[in-house]
Amino acid sequence: VAAQNCRKRKLNAILHLEEDVCNLQTQKESLKKEHSQCSRSISRMKQKLNNLYHDIFSRLRDDQGRPVNPCQYIIHCSSDGNVFIIPKHLVNSEHRQDNEKEQKQKS
């Protein structure tokens, strides 16, 4: 009787594990689909942002009425919702300073 109960528990455990495997495979497929949808959505957002960026720069003019060069400037959005056009060399120097501060703190 003990051996029979042991075999029964073992079969029940195997059945539960098989059910778990099936559920996990279903969940995995669902997550793959969700990941794919998210990736497509991110790609669309990136394309829209890129289009917006080019549209903004095509309309911007400097003090002399010349188009602003997107290779020399970036668009910066602050946390309070303000938008600024900043020369890239200023941003690059700030990033370098920030990186140097982070490295010093890590040391």
C-alpha atoms as a PDB file:
ATOM      1  CA  VAL A   1       0.000   0.000   0.000  1.00  0.00           C
ATOM      2  CA  ALA A   2       2.869   2.404   0.819  1.00  0.00           C
ATOM      3  CA  ALA A   3       4.521   1.687  -2.546  1.00  0.00           C
ATOM      4  CA  GLN A   4       1.198   2.211  -4.303  1.00  0.00           C
ATOM      5  CA  ASN A   5       0.709   5.564  -2.525  1.00  0.00           C
ATOM      6  CA  CYS A   6       4.249   6.560  -3.413  1.00  0.00           C
ATOM      7  CA  ARG A   7       3.676   5.747  -7.104  1.00  0.00           C
ATOM      8  CA  LYS A   8       0.394   7.700  -7.017  1.00  0.00           C
ATOM      9  CA  ARG A   9       2.107  10.763  -5.499  1.00  0.00           C
ATOM     10  CA  LYS A  10       4.875  10.484  -8.075  1.00  0.00           C
ATOM     11  CA  LEU A  11       2.379  10.341 -10.974  1.00  0.00           C
ATOM     12  CA  ASN A  12       0.474  13.315  -9.521  1.00  0.00           C
ATOM     13  CA  ALA A  13       3.707  15.259  -9.229  1.00  0.00           C
ATOM     14  CA  ILE A  14       4.593  14.445 -12.848  1.00  0.00           C
ATOM     15  CA  LEU A  15       1.121  15.504 -14.036  1.00  0.00           C
ATOM     16  CA  HIS A  16       1.388  18.807 -12.162  1.00  0.00           C
ATOM     17  CA  LEU A  17       4.838  19.412 -13.597  1.00  0.00           C
ATOM     18  CA  GLU A  18       3.573  18.689 -17.130  1.00  0.00           C
ATOM     19  CA  GLU A  19       0.731  21.163 -16.580  1.00  0.00           C
ATOM     20  CA  ASP A  20       3.226  23.725 -15.312  1.00  0.00           C
ATOM     21  CA  VAL A  21       5.392  23.209 -18.405  1.00  0.00           C
ATOM     22  CA  CYS A  22       2.378  23.707 -20.705  1.00  0.00           C
ATOM     23  CA  ASN A  23       1.351  26.846 -18.827  1.00  0.00           C
ATOM     24  CA  LEU A  24       4.871  28.233 -18.964  1.00  0.00           C
ATOM     25  CA  GLN A  25       5.133  27.526 -22.695  1.00  0.00           C
ATOM     26  CA  THR A  26       1.837  29.373 -23.253  1.00  0.00           C
ATOM     27  CA  GLN A  27       3.059  32.255 -21.111  1.00  0.00           C
ATOM     28  CA  LYS A  28       6.353  32.319 -23.023  1.00  0.00           C
ATOM     29  CA  GLU A  29       4.544  32.585 -26.376  1.00  0.00           C
ATOM     30  CA  SER A  30       2.335  35.339 -24.988  1.00  0.00           C
ATOM     31  CA  LEU A  31       5.385  37.254 -23.747  1.00  0.00           C
ATOM     32  CA  LYS A  32       7.100  36.831 -27.119  1.00  0.00           C
ATOM     33  CA  LYS A  33       4.075  38.361 -28.854  1.00  0.00           C
ATOM     34  CA  GLU A  34       3.954  41.202 -26.332  1.00  0.00           C
ATOM     35  CA  HIS A  35       7.679  41.840 -26.779  1.00  0.00           C
ATOM     36  CA  SER A  36       7.261  41.930 -30.537  1.00  0.00           C
ATOM     37  CA  GLN A  37       4.375  44.396 -30.261  1.00  0.00           C
ATOM     38  CA  CYS A  38       6.381  46.591 -27.886  1.00  0.00           C
ATOM     39  CA  SER A  39       9.377  46.541 -30.236  1.00  0.00           C
ATOM     40  CA  ARG A  40       7.192  47.594 -33.164  1.00  0.00           C
ATOM     41  CA  SER A  41       5.619  50.326 -31.062  1.00  0.00           C
ATOM     42  CA  ILE A  42       9.032  51.630 -29.996  1.00  0.00           C
ATOM     43  CA  SER A  43      10.195  51.634 -33.612  1.00  0.00           C
ATOM     44  CA  ARG A  44       7.133  53.644 -34.646  1.00  0.00           C
ATOM     45  CA  MET A  45       7.702  56.116 -31.797  1.00  0.00           C
ATOM     46  CA  LYS A  46      11.358  56.512 -32.738  1.00  0.00           C
ATOM     47  CA  GLN A  47      10.400  57.180 -36.352  1.00  0.00           C
ATOM     48  CA  LYS A  48       7.773  59.735 -35.297  1.00  0.00           C
ATOM     49  CA  LEU A  49      10.278  61.432 -32.971  1.00  0.00           C
ATOM     50  CA  ASN A  50      12.861  61.517 -35.751  1.00  0.00           C
ATOM     51  CA  ASN A  51      10.315  63.033 -38.146  1.00  0.00           C
ATOM     52  CA  LEU A  52       9.315  65.616 -35.536  1.00  0.00           C
ATOM     53  CA  TYR A  53      12.960  66.445 -34.871  1.00  0.00           C
ATOM     54  CA  HIS A  54      13.611  67.045 -38.579  1.00  0.00           C
ATOM     55  CA  ASP A  55      10.391  69.032 -38.939  1.00  0.00           C
ATOM     56  CA  ILE A  56      11.339  71.293 -36.019  1.00  0.00           C
ATOM     57  CA  PHE A  57      14.839  71.917 -37.345  1.00  0.00           C
ATOM     58  CA  SER A  58      13.519  72.608 -40.850  1.00  0.00           C
ATOM     59  CA  ARG A  59      11.482  75.490 -39.376  1.00  0.00           C
ATOM     60  CA  LEU A  60      14.102  76.944 -37.024  1.00  0.00           C
ATOM     61  CA  ARG A  61      16.086  80.013 -38.053  1.00  0.00           C
ATOM     62  CA  ASP A  62      18.973  81.831 -36.397  1.00  0.00           C
ATOM     63  CA  ASP A  63      19.181  85.602 -35.819  1.00  0.00           C
ATOM     64  CA  GLN A  64      20.183  86.179 -39.464  1.00  0.00           C
ATOM     65  CA  GLY A  65      17.294  84.069 -40.800  1.00  0.00           C
ATOM     66  CA  ARG A  66      19.485  81.109 -41.776  1.00  0.00           C
ATOM     67  CA  PRO A  67      18.360  77.554 -41.024  1.00  0.00           C
ATOM     68  CA  VAL A  68      19.687  76.089 -37.766  1.00  0.00           C
ATOM     69  CA  ASN A  69      22.061  73.185 -38.416  1.00  0.00           C
ATOM     70  CA  PRO A  70      20.822  70.024 -36.620  1.00  0.00           C
ATOM     71  CA  CYS A  71      24.410  68.732 -36.599  1.00  0.00           C
ATOM     72  CA  GLN A  72      25.444  71.605 -34.329  1.00  0.00           C
ATOM     73  CA  TYR A  73      22.420  71.850 -32.027  1.00  0.00           C
ATOM     74  CA  ILE A  74      20.156  69.556 -30.051  1.00  0.00           C
ATOM     75  CA  ILE A  75      16.653  69.915 -28.683  1.00  0.00           C
ATOM     76  CA  HIS A  76      16.502  69.672 -24.890  1.00  0.00           C
ATOM     77  CA  CYS A  77      13.246  69.232 -22.973  1.00  0.00           C
ATOM     78  CA  SER A  78      13.451  70.104 -19.296  1.00  0.00           C
ATOM     79  CA  SER A  79      11.426  68.422 -16.586  1.00  0.00           C
ATOM     80  CA  ASP A  80       9.162  71.471 -16.296  1.00  0.00           C
ATOM     81  CA  GLY A  81       8.145  71.201 -19.963  1.00  0.00           C
ATOM     82  CA  ASN A  82      10.380  73.941 -21.391  1.00  0.00           C
ATOM     83  CA  VAL A  83      12.141  73.225 -24.678  1.00  0.00           C
ATOM     84  CA  PHE A  84      15.579  74.605 -25.507  1.00  0.00           C
ATOM     85  CA  ILE A  85      17.885  74.502 -28.515  1.00  0.00           C
ATOM     86  CA  ILE A  86      21.403  73.943 -27.157  1.00  0.00           C
ATOM     87  CA  PRO A  87      24.736  73.805 -28.995  1.00  0.00           C
ATOM     88  CA  LYS A  88      26.048  70.252 -29.004  1.00  0.00           C
ATOM     89  CA  HIS A  89      29.507  71.242 -27.805  1.00  0.00           C
ATOM     90  CA  LEU A  90      27.966  72.510 -24.545  1.00  0.00           C
ATOM     91  CA  VAL A  91      26.082  69.275 -24.025  1.00  0.00           C
ATOM     92  CA  ASN A  92      29.132  67.166 -24.803  1.00  0.00           C
ATOM     93  CA  SER A  93      31.259  69.095 -22.295  1.00  0.00           C
ATOM     94  CA  GLU A  94      28.531  68.725 -19.638  1.00  0.00           C
ATOM     95  CA  HIS A  95      28.347  64.971 -20.306  1.00  0.00           C
ATOM     96  CA  ARG A  96      32.115  64.715 -19.978  1.00  0.00           C
ATOM     97  CA  GLN A  97      32.031  66.604 -16.682  1.00  0.00           C
ATOM     98  CA  ASP A  98      29.176  64.421 -15.409  1.00  0.00           C
ATOM     99  CA  ASN A  99      31.041  61.256 -16.426  1.00  0.00           C
ATOM    100  CA  GLU A 100      34.198  62.491 -14.700  1.00  0.00           C
ATOM    101  CA  LYS A 101      32.236  63.220 -11.510  1.00  0.00           C
ATOM    102  CA  GLU A 102      30.657  59.743 -11.612  1.00  0.00           C
ATOM    103  CA  GLN A 103      34.051  58.095 -12.114  1.00  0.00           C
ATOM    104  CA  LYS A 104      35.550  60.064  -9.211  1.00  0.00           C
ATOM    105  CA  GLN A 105      32.669  59.039  -6.966  1.00  0.00           C
ATOM    106  CA  LYS A 106      33.153  55.379  -7.897  1.00  0.00           C
ATOM    107  CA  SER A 107      36.881  55.537  -7.069  1.00  0.00           C
END
